[in-house]
Amino acid sequence: MRPGGTLGFMRALWELTHALQVSSKRMARVLGVTGPQRLVIRVVGQSPGITARDLATSLGLHPSTLTGVLDRLEKQAFLIRSVDPSDRRRARFDLTARGKRVDRERKGTVEAAVKRALARADAGTVAKTHRMLALLVAELERE
């Protein structure tokens, strides 16, 4: 058995979850968006005109899960929704001027912390962590 075993690993995951929640709440106070909302803004900023389906796929979410986040960001004037001219059933998303101000690397964000941690780890550790997280997600989705 590895050091800490299952319970030790779970404790580390809970610590990470708590740290993400604390950071997300701080971001909401400072930037006006939570960590998950900022991630959506960052992806839309990299892919202007992205559809909700493509955004959900990019984030690994079901489109219905993303709907509430998109609605809140649109209501807060971070995103603008437009009808796809080639298929009026489909919406496309772009950043507003307010969204563009949030769509940049900055201190105090989850992204900045992840970037610093990745810089401190070797490529093998990062690859193994990705694989372990993917295995854990697959097991949780199986339940």
N, C-alpha and C. Protein backbone atom coordinates (compact mmCIF):
# COMPACT_ATOMS: atom_id res chain seq x y z
N MET A 1 0.84 -1.18 0.00
CA MET A 1 0.00 0.00 0.00
C MET A 1 0.89 1.25 0.00
N ARG A 2 0.47 2.26 -0.71
CA ARG A 2 1.23 3.51 -0.81
C ARG A 2 1.09 4.33 0.47
N PRO A 3 2.03 5.25 0.71
CA PRO A 3 1.94 6.10 1.90
C PRO A 3 0.60 6.84 1.94
N GLY A 4 -0.07 6.73 3.08
CA GLY A 4 -1.34 7.42 3.24
C GLY A 4 -2.53 6.63 2.75
N GLY A 5 -2.31 5.72 1.82
CA GLY A 5 -3.38 4.89 1.29
C GLY A 5 -4.56 5.69 0.78
N THR A 6 -5.69 5.02 0.71
CA THR A 6 -6.91 5.62 0.17
C THR A 6 -7.34 6.85 0.97
N LEU A 7 -7.37 6.72 2.29
CA LEU A 7 -7.83 7.84 3.11
C LEU A 7 -6.89 9.04 3.04
N GLY A 8 -5.60 8.78 2.97
CA GLY A 8 -4.64 9.87 2.81
C GLY A 8 -4.83 10.59 1.49
N PHE A 9 -5.09 9.82 0.43
CA PHE A 9 -5.32 10.41 -0.88
C PHE A 9 -6.61 11.24 -0.86
N MET A 10 -7.65 10.68 -0.23
CA MET A 10 -8.92 11.41 -0.13
C MET A 10 -8.75 12.71 0.66
N ARG A 11 -7.95 12.66 1.72
CA ARG A 11 -7.70 13.87 2.51
C ARG A 11 -7.04 14.94 1.63
N ALA A 12 -6.08 14.52 0.81
CA ALA A 12 -5.41 15.46 -0.09
C ALA A 12 -6.40 16.05 -1.09
N LEU A 13 -7.31 15.22 -1.60
CA LEU A 13 -8.34 15.72 -2.52
C LEU A 13 -9.25 16.72 -1.83
N TRP A 14 -9.63 16.44 -0.58
CA TRP A 14 -10.49 17.37 0.16
C TRP A 14 -9.77 18.69 0.42
N GLU A 15 -8.47 18.61 0.73
CA GLU A 15 -7.69 19.84 0.91
C GLU A 15 -7.67 20.66 -0.38
N LEU A 16 -7.50 19.98 -1.50
CA LEU A 16 -7.50 20.66 -2.79
C LEU A 16 -8.87 21.29 -3.06
N THR A 17 -9.93 20.52 -2.82
CA THR A 17 -11.29 21.03 -3.04
C THR A 17 -11.53 22.27 -2.18
N HIS A 18 -11.13 22.21 -0.91
CA HIS A 18 -11.32 23.36 -0.02
C HIS A 18 -10.52 24.57 -0.52
N ALA A 19 -9.27 24.35 -0.91
CA ALA A 19 -8.44 25.45 -1.41
C ALA A 19 -9.04 26.06 -2.67
N LEU A 20 -9.60 25.22 -3.55
CA LEU A 20 -10.25 25.73 -4.76
C LEU A 20 -11.47 26.57 -4.41
N GLN A 21 -12.26 26.12 -3.44
CA GLN A 21 -13.45 26.87 -3.03
C GLN A 21 -13.07 28.21 -2.42
N VAL A 22 -12.07 28.23 -1.56
CA VAL A 22 -11.62 29.48 -0.94
C VAL A 22 -11.11 30.44 -2.01
N SER A 23 -10.30 29.94 -2.92
CA SER A 23 -9.76 30.77 -4.00
C SER A 23 -10.87 31.29 -4.89
N SER A 24 -11.84 30.44 -5.19
CA SER A 24 -12.96 30.83 -6.04
C SER A 24 -13.78 31.95 -5.39
N LYS A 25 -14.02 31.84 -4.09
CA LYS A 25 -14.77 32.89 -3.38
C LYS A 25 -13.99 34.20 -3.37
N ARG A 26 -12.68 34.11 -3.18
CA ARG A 26 -11.85 35.32 -3.21
C ARG A 26 -11.90 35.96 -4.60
N MET A 27 -11.84 35.13 -5.64
CA MET A 27 -11.93 35.65 -7.00
C MET A 27 -13.27 36.33 -7.24
N ALA A 28 -14.33 35.77 -6.68
CA ALA A 28 -15.66 36.37 -6.85
C ALA A 28 -15.68 37.77 -6.22
N ARG A 29 -15.04 37.91 -5.07
CA ARG A 29 -15.00 39.23 -4.42
C ARG A 29 -14.15 40.22 -5.21
N VAL A 30 -13.00 39.77 -5.70
CA VAL A 30 -12.04 40.67 -6.35
C VAL A 30 -12.38 40.91 -7.82
N LEU A 31 -12.69 39.85 -8.55
CA LEU A 31 -12.91 39.95 -10.00
C LEU A 31 -14.38 39.97 -10.41
N GLY A 32 -15.25 39.54 -9.51
CA GLY A 32 -16.67 39.48 -9.85
C GLY A 32 -17.08 38.17 -10.49
N VAL A 33 -16.15 37.22 -10.59
CA VAL A 33 -16.47 35.90 -11.14
C VAL A 33 -15.79 34.83 -10.29
N THR A 34 -16.41 33.66 -10.24
CA THR A 34 -15.83 32.52 -9.53
C THR A 34 -14.78 31.84 -10.41
N GLY A 35 -14.06 30.91 -9.83
CA GLY A 35 -13.07 30.15 -10.60
C GLY A 35 -13.66 29.47 -11.82
N PRO A 36 -14.77 28.70 -11.65
CA PRO A 36 -15.37 28.05 -12.82
C PRO A 36 -15.87 29.06 -13.87
N GLN A 37 -16.43 30.19 -13.42
CA GLN A 37 -16.90 31.20 -14.37
C GLN A 37 -15.72 31.79 -15.14
N ARG A 38 -14.62 32.03 -14.44
CA ARG A 38 -13.44 32.58 -15.11
C ARG A 38 -12.87 31.60 -16.12
N LEU A 39 -12.93 30.31 -15.81
CA LEU A 39 -12.48 29.31 -16.77
C LEU A 39 -13.30 29.38 -18.05
N VAL A 40 -14.61 29.54 -17.92
CA VAL A 40 -15.47 29.69 -19.09
C VAL A 40 -15.06 30.93 -19.88
N ILE A 41 -14.84 32.04 -19.18
CA ILE A 41 -14.42 33.28 -19.85
C ILE A 41 -13.10 33.07 -20.58
N ARG A 42 -12.15 32.38 -19.96
CA ARG A 42 -10.85 32.15 -20.60
C ARG A 42 -11.00 31.31 -21.87
N VAL A 43 -11.85 30.27 -21.83
CA VAL A 43 -12.03 29.42 -23.01
C VAL A 43 -12.75 30.20 -24.11
N VAL A 44 -13.77 30.97 -23.76
CA VAL A 44 -14.46 31.79 -24.77
C VAL A 44 -13.48 32.81 -25.36
N GLY A 45 -12.62 33.37 -24.54
CA GLY A 45 -11.62 34.32 -25.04
C GLY A 45 -10.65 33.69 -26.03
N GLN A 46 -10.35 32.42 -25.85
CA GLN A 46 -9.45 31.71 -26.77
C GLN A 46 -10.18 31.23 -28.02
N SER A 47 -11.51 31.10 -27.93
CA SER A 47 -12.31 30.59 -29.06
C SER A 47 -13.52 31.47 -29.28
N PRO A 48 -13.33 32.71 -29.74
CA PRO A 48 -14.48 33.60 -29.94
C PRO A 48 -15.51 32.96 -30.87
N GLY A 49 -16.78 33.15 -30.52
CA GLY A 49 -17.86 32.58 -31.32
C GLY A 49 -18.12 31.11 -31.04
N ILE A 50 -17.56 30.59 -29.98
CA ILE A 50 -17.72 29.17 -29.64
C ILE A 50 -19.18 28.86 -29.30
N THR A 51 -19.63 27.68 -29.67
CA THR A 51 -20.99 27.25 -29.33
C THR A 51 -20.99 26.67 -27.92
N ALA A 52 -22.18 26.61 -27.33
CA ALA A 52 -22.31 26.04 -25.99
C ALA A 52 -21.87 24.58 -26.00
N ARG A 53 -22.23 23.85 -27.03
CA ARG A 53 -21.85 22.43 -27.12
C ARG A 53 -20.33 22.28 -27.18
N ASP A 54 -19.67 23.09 -28.01
CA ASP A 54 -18.20 23.00 -28.12
C ASP A 54 -17.53 23.44 -26.81
N LEU A 55 -18.12 24.44 -26.16
CA LEU A 55 -17.59 24.89 -24.88
C LEU A 55 -17.72 23.79 -23.83
N ALA A 56 -18.88 23.14 -23.79
CA ALA A 56 -19.10 22.05 -22.84
C ALA A 56 -18.12 20.91 -23.10
N THR A 57 -17.91 20.57 -24.37
CA THR A 57 -16.95 19.52 -24.72
C THR A 57 -15.54 19.90 -24.27
N SER A 58 -15.16 21.14 -24.52
CA SER A 58 -13.84 21.63 -24.14
C SER A 58 -13.62 21.54 -22.64
N LEU A 59 -14.68 21.78 -21.86
CA LEU A 59 -14.59 21.76 -20.40
C LEU A 59 -14.90 20.40 -19.80
N GLY A 60 -15.34 19.46 -20.64
CA GLY A 60 -15.69 18.13 -20.14
C GLY A 60 -16.99 18.12 -19.35
N LEU A 61 -17.92 18.99 -19.72
CA LEU A 61 -19.20 19.10 -19.02
C LEU A 61 -20.35 18.75 -19.95
N HIS A 62 -21.48 18.37 -19.37
CA HIS A 62 -22.70 18.20 -20.15
C HIS A 62 -23.24 19.60 -20.44
N PRO A 63 -23.74 19.85 -21.67
CA PRO A 63 -24.24 21.20 -22.00
C PRO A 63 -25.25 21.76 -21.00
N SER A 64 -26.11 20.91 -20.45
CA SER A 64 -27.11 21.41 -19.50
C SER A 64 -26.45 21.92 -18.21
N THR A 65 -25.31 21.35 -17.85
CA THR A 65 -24.58 21.80 -16.67
C THR A 65 -24.02 23.21 -16.89
N LEU A 66 -23.66 23.50 -18.11
CA LEU A 66 -23.04 24.78 -18.45
C LEU A 66 -24.07 25.90 -18.61
N THR A 67 -25.31 25.57 -18.86
CA THR A 67 -26.34 26.56 -19.15
C THR A 67 -26.43 27.64 -18.07
N GLY A 68 -26.48 27.24 -16.81
CA GLY A 68 -26.59 28.21 -15.72
C GLY A 68 -25.40 29.15 -15.65
N VAL A 69 -24.21 28.61 -15.86
CA VAL A 69 -23.00 29.43 -15.83
C VAL A 69 -23.05 30.46 -16.96
N LEU A 70 -23.41 30.02 -18.16
CA LEU A 70 -23.50 30.93 -19.30
C LEU A 70 -24.55 32.00 -19.07
N ASP A 71 -25.70 31.61 -18.54
CA ASP A 71 -26.77 32.58 -18.26
C ASP A 71 -26.30 33.64 -17.27
N ARG A 72 -25.61 33.22 -16.20
CA ARG A 72 -25.13 34.19 -15.19
C ARG A 72 -24.08 35.12 -15.79
N LEU A 73 -23.16 34.57 -16.57
CA LEU A 73 -22.13 35.41 -17.18
C LEU A 73 -22.72 36.40 -18.19
N GLU A 74 -23.75 35.97 -18.89
CA GLU A 74 -24.42 36.87 -19.83
C GLU A 74 -25.17 37.97 -19.06
N LYS A 75 -25.86 37.58 -18.01
CA LYS A 75 -26.61 38.55 -17.19
C LYS A 75 -25.67 39.58 -16.56
N GLN A 76 -24.47 39.15 -16.19
CA GLN A 76 -23.48 40.05 -15.57
C GLN A 76 -22.66 40.81 -16.61
N ALA A 77 -22.98 40.65 -17.88
CA ALA A 77 -22.33 41.36 -18.99
C ALA A 77 -20.86 40.98 -19.20
N PHE A 78 -20.53 39.72 -18.93
CA PHE A 78 -19.20 39.21 -19.26
C PHE A 78 -19.20 38.55 -20.64
N LEU A 79 -20.34 38.00 -21.03
CA LEU A 79 -20.50 37.31 -22.31
C LEU A 79 -21.66 37.91 -23.08
N ILE A 80 -21.59 37.76 -24.38
CA ILE A 80 -22.72 38.10 -25.24
C ILE A 80 -23.06 36.86 -26.06
N ARG A 81 -24.35 36.59 -26.13
CA ARG A 81 -24.85 35.43 -26.87
C ARG A 81 -25.43 35.94 -28.18
N SER A 82 -25.09 35.26 -29.27
CA SER A 82 -25.67 35.62 -30.57
C SER A 82 -26.15 34.35 -31.26
N VAL A 83 -27.10 34.53 -32.14
CA VAL A 83 -27.64 33.40 -32.89
C VAL A 83 -26.69 33.06 -34.03
N ASP A 84 -26.41 31.78 -34.19
CA ASP A 84 -25.56 31.31 -35.28
C ASP A 84 -26.32 31.52 -36.59
N PRO A 85 -25.79 32.32 -37.52
CA PRO A 85 -26.52 32.57 -38.77
C PRO A 85 -26.72 31.32 -39.62
N SER A 86 -25.85 30.32 -39.46
CA SER A 86 -25.99 29.10 -40.27
C SER A 86 -26.95 28.10 -39.64
N ASP A 87 -27.26 28.26 -38.36
CA ASP A 87 -28.21 27.37 -37.67
C ASP A 87 -28.81 28.15 -36.51
N ARG A 88 -29.99 28.69 -36.73
CA ARG A 88 -30.61 29.59 -35.76
C ARG A 88 -30.94 28.91 -34.43
N ARG A 89 -30.85 27.58 -34.36
CA ARG A 89 -31.08 26.88 -33.09
C ARG A 89 -29.85 26.94 -32.18
N ARG A 90 -28.74 27.31 -32.75
CA ARG A 90 -27.47 27.27 -32.02
C ARG A 90 -27.04 28.69 -31.65
N ALA A 91 -26.55 28.83 -30.42
CA ALA A 91 -26.03 30.13 -29.95
C ALA A 91 -24.51 30.10 -29.97
N ARG A 92 -23.95 31.26 -30.19
CA ARG A 92 -22.49 31.43 -30.13
C ARG A 92 -22.18 32.47 -29.06
N PHE A 93 -21.02 32.32 -28.44
CA PHE A 93 -20.66 33.20 -27.33
C PHE A 93 -19.35 33.94 -27.61
N ASP A 94 -19.36 35.21 -27.23
CA ASP A 94 -18.18 36.07 -27.33
C ASP A 94 -18.06 36.85 -26.03
N LEU A 95 -16.89 37.40 -25.80
CA LEU A 95 -16.68 38.22 -24.61
C LEU A 95 -17.10 39.66 -24.87
N THR A 96 -17.66 40.27 -23.85
CA THR A 96 -17.92 41.71 -23.88
C THR A 96 -16.62 42.41 -23.46
N ALA A 97 -16.64 43.74 -23.45
CA ALA A 97 -15.46 44.48 -22.97
C ALA A 97 -15.16 44.11 -21.52
N ARG A 98 -16.20 43.94 -20.71
CA ARG A 98 -16.01 43.54 -19.32
C ARG A 98 -15.38 42.15 -19.24
N GLY A 99 -15.85 41.23 -20.08
CA GLY A 99 -15.30 39.88 -20.11
C GLY A 99 -13.84 39.88 -20.53
N LYS A 100 -13.50 40.74 -21.48
CA LYS A 100 -12.11 40.82 -21.95
C LYS A 100 -11.17 41.31 -20.86
N ARG A 101 -11.67 42.16 -19.96
CA ARG A 101 -10.83 42.64 -18.85
C ARG A 101 -10.50 41.50 -17.88
N VAL A 102 -11.39 40.53 -17.76
CA VAL A 102 -11.17 39.38 -16.87
C VAL A 102 -10.34 38.30 -17.57
N ASP A 103 -10.37 38.31 -18.90
CA ASP A 103 -9.71 37.27 -19.70
C ASP A 103 -8.23 37.56 -19.92
N ARG A 104 -7.49 37.53 -18.84
CA ARG A 104 -6.04 37.65 -18.95
C ARG A 104 -5.42 37.00 -17.73
N GLU A 105 -4.17 36.61 -17.88
CA GLU A 105 -3.47 36.00 -16.74
C GLU A 105 -3.31 37.06 -15.66
N ARG A 106 -3.56 36.66 -14.42
CA ARG A 106 -3.41 37.61 -13.32
C ARG A 106 -3.16 36.88 -12.03
N LYS A 107 -2.55 37.60 -11.10
CA LYS A 107 -2.28 37.05 -9.77
C LYS A 107 -3.59 36.83 -9.04
N GLY A 108 -3.56 35.89 -8.09
CA GLY A 108 -4.72 35.67 -7.24
C GLY A 108 -5.79 34.79 -7.84
N THR A 109 -5.49 34.14 -8.96
CA THR A 109 -6.47 33.26 -9.60
C THR A 109 -6.03 31.81 -9.45
N VAL A 110 -6.99 30.92 -9.62
CA VAL A 110 -6.68 29.49 -9.62
C VAL A 110 -5.68 29.20 -10.74
N GLU A 111 -5.88 29.82 -11.89
CA GLU A 111 -4.99 29.61 -13.03
C GLU A 111 -3.54 29.97 -12.68
N ALA A 112 -3.35 31.08 -11.98
CA ALA A 112 -1.99 31.50 -11.61
C ALA A 112 -1.35 30.48 -10.66
N ALA A 113 -2.13 29.97 -9.71
CA ALA A 113 -1.61 28.97 -8.78
C ALA A 113 -1.25 27.68 -9.50
N VAL A 114 -2.12 27.26 -10.43
CA VAL A 114 -1.84 26.04 -11.20
C VAL A 114 -0.58 26.22 -12.04
N LYS A 115 -0.46 27.38 -12.65
CA LYS A 115 0.72 27.65 -13.48
C LYS A 115 2.00 27.58 -12.65
N ARG A 116 1.98 28.16 -11.44
CA ARG A 116 3.15 28.11 -10.56
C ARG A 116 3.47 26.67 -10.15
N ALA A 117 2.43 25.90 -9.80
CA ALA A 117 2.64 24.51 -9.39
C ALA A 117 3.19 23.68 -10.54
N LEU A 118 2.66 23.88 -11.74
CA LEU A 118 3.15 23.14 -12.91
C LEU A 118 4.62 23.46 -13.19
N ALA A 119 5.00 24.70 -12.97
CA ALA A 119 6.39 25.10 -13.21
C ALA A 119 7.34 24.42 -12.21
N ARG A 120 6.83 24.05 -11.05
CA ARG A 120 7.67 23.42 -10.03
C ARG A 120 7.75 21.90 -10.19
N ALA A 121 6.91 21.32 -11.02
CA ALA A 121 6.87 19.86 -11.18
C ALA A 121 7.52 19.45 -12.50
N ASP A 122 8.10 18.26 -12.51
CA ASP A 122 8.67 17.76 -13.77
C ASP A 122 7.55 17.19 -14.64
N ALA A 123 7.83 17.04 -15.92
CA ALA A 123 6.83 16.58 -16.89
C ALA A 123 6.25 15.22 -16.52
N GLY A 124 7.07 14.33 -15.98
CA GLY A 124 6.58 13.00 -15.60
C GLY A 124 5.55 13.07 -14.49
N THR A 125 5.81 13.91 -13.50
CA THR A 125 4.86 14.08 -12.40
C THR A 125 3.54 14.64 -12.91
N VAL A 126 3.63 15.63 -13.79
CA VAL A 126 2.41 16.23 -14.35
C VAL A 126 1.62 15.18 -15.14
N ALA A 127 2.31 14.39 -15.96
CA ALA A 127 1.63 13.36 -16.76
C ALA A 127 0.98 12.31 -15.86
N LYS A 128 1.68 11.88 -14.82
CA LYS A 128 1.11 10.89 -13.89
C LYS A 128 -0.09 11.47 -13.15
N THR A 129 -0.02 12.72 -12.78
CA THR A 129 -1.15 13.37 -12.10
C THR A 129 -2.36 13.44 -13.01
N HIS A 130 -2.14 13.80 -14.27
CA HIS A 130 -3.24 13.82 -15.24
C HIS A 130 -3.88 12.44 -15.34
N ARG A 131 -3.06 11.41 -15.45
CA ARG A 131 -3.59 10.05 -15.57
C ARG A 131 -4.37 9.65 -14.33
N MET A 132 -3.85 9.96 -13.16
CA MET A 132 -4.54 9.60 -11.92
C MET A 132 -5.88 10.33 -11.80
N LEU A 133 -5.89 11.60 -12.14
CA LEU A 133 -7.15 12.36 -12.09
C LEU A 133 -8.16 11.80 -13.09
N ALA A 134 -7.70 11.42 -14.27
CA ALA A 134 -8.60 10.82 -15.27
C ALA A 134 -9.16 9.49 -14.76
N LEU A 135 -8.33 8.68 -14.13
CA LEU A 135 -8.81 7.41 -13.55
C LEU A 135 -9.85 7.67 -12.47
N LEU A 136 -9.60 8.64 -11.62
CA LEU A 136 -10.53 8.97 -10.55
C LEU A 136 -11.86 9.46 -11.10
N VAL A 137 -11.82 10.33 -12.10
CA VAL A 137 -13.05 10.81 -12.73
C VAL A 137 -13.82 9.64 -13.32
N ALA A 138 -13.14 8.76 -14.02
CA ALA A 138 -13.81 7.59 -14.62
C ALA A 138 -14.48 6.73 -13.55
N GLU A 139 -13.81 6.51 -12.44
CA GLU A 139 -14.40 5.71 -11.36
C GLU A 139 -15.60 6.40 -10.73
N LEU A 140 -15.49 7.70 -10.53
CA LEU A 140 -16.62 8.44 -9.94
C LEU A 140 -17.82 8.47 -10.88
N GLU A 141 -17.57 8.55 -12.17
CA GLU A 141 -18.67 8.55 -13.14
C GLU A 141 -19.30 7.17 -13.28
N ARG A 142 -18.56 6.13 -12.91
CA ARG A 142 -19.09 4.76 -12.95
C ARG A 142 -20.07 4.49 -11.82
N GLU A 143 -19.90 5.18 -10.72
CA GLU A 143 -20.72 4.93 -9.51
C GLU A 143 -22.18 5.22 -9.76
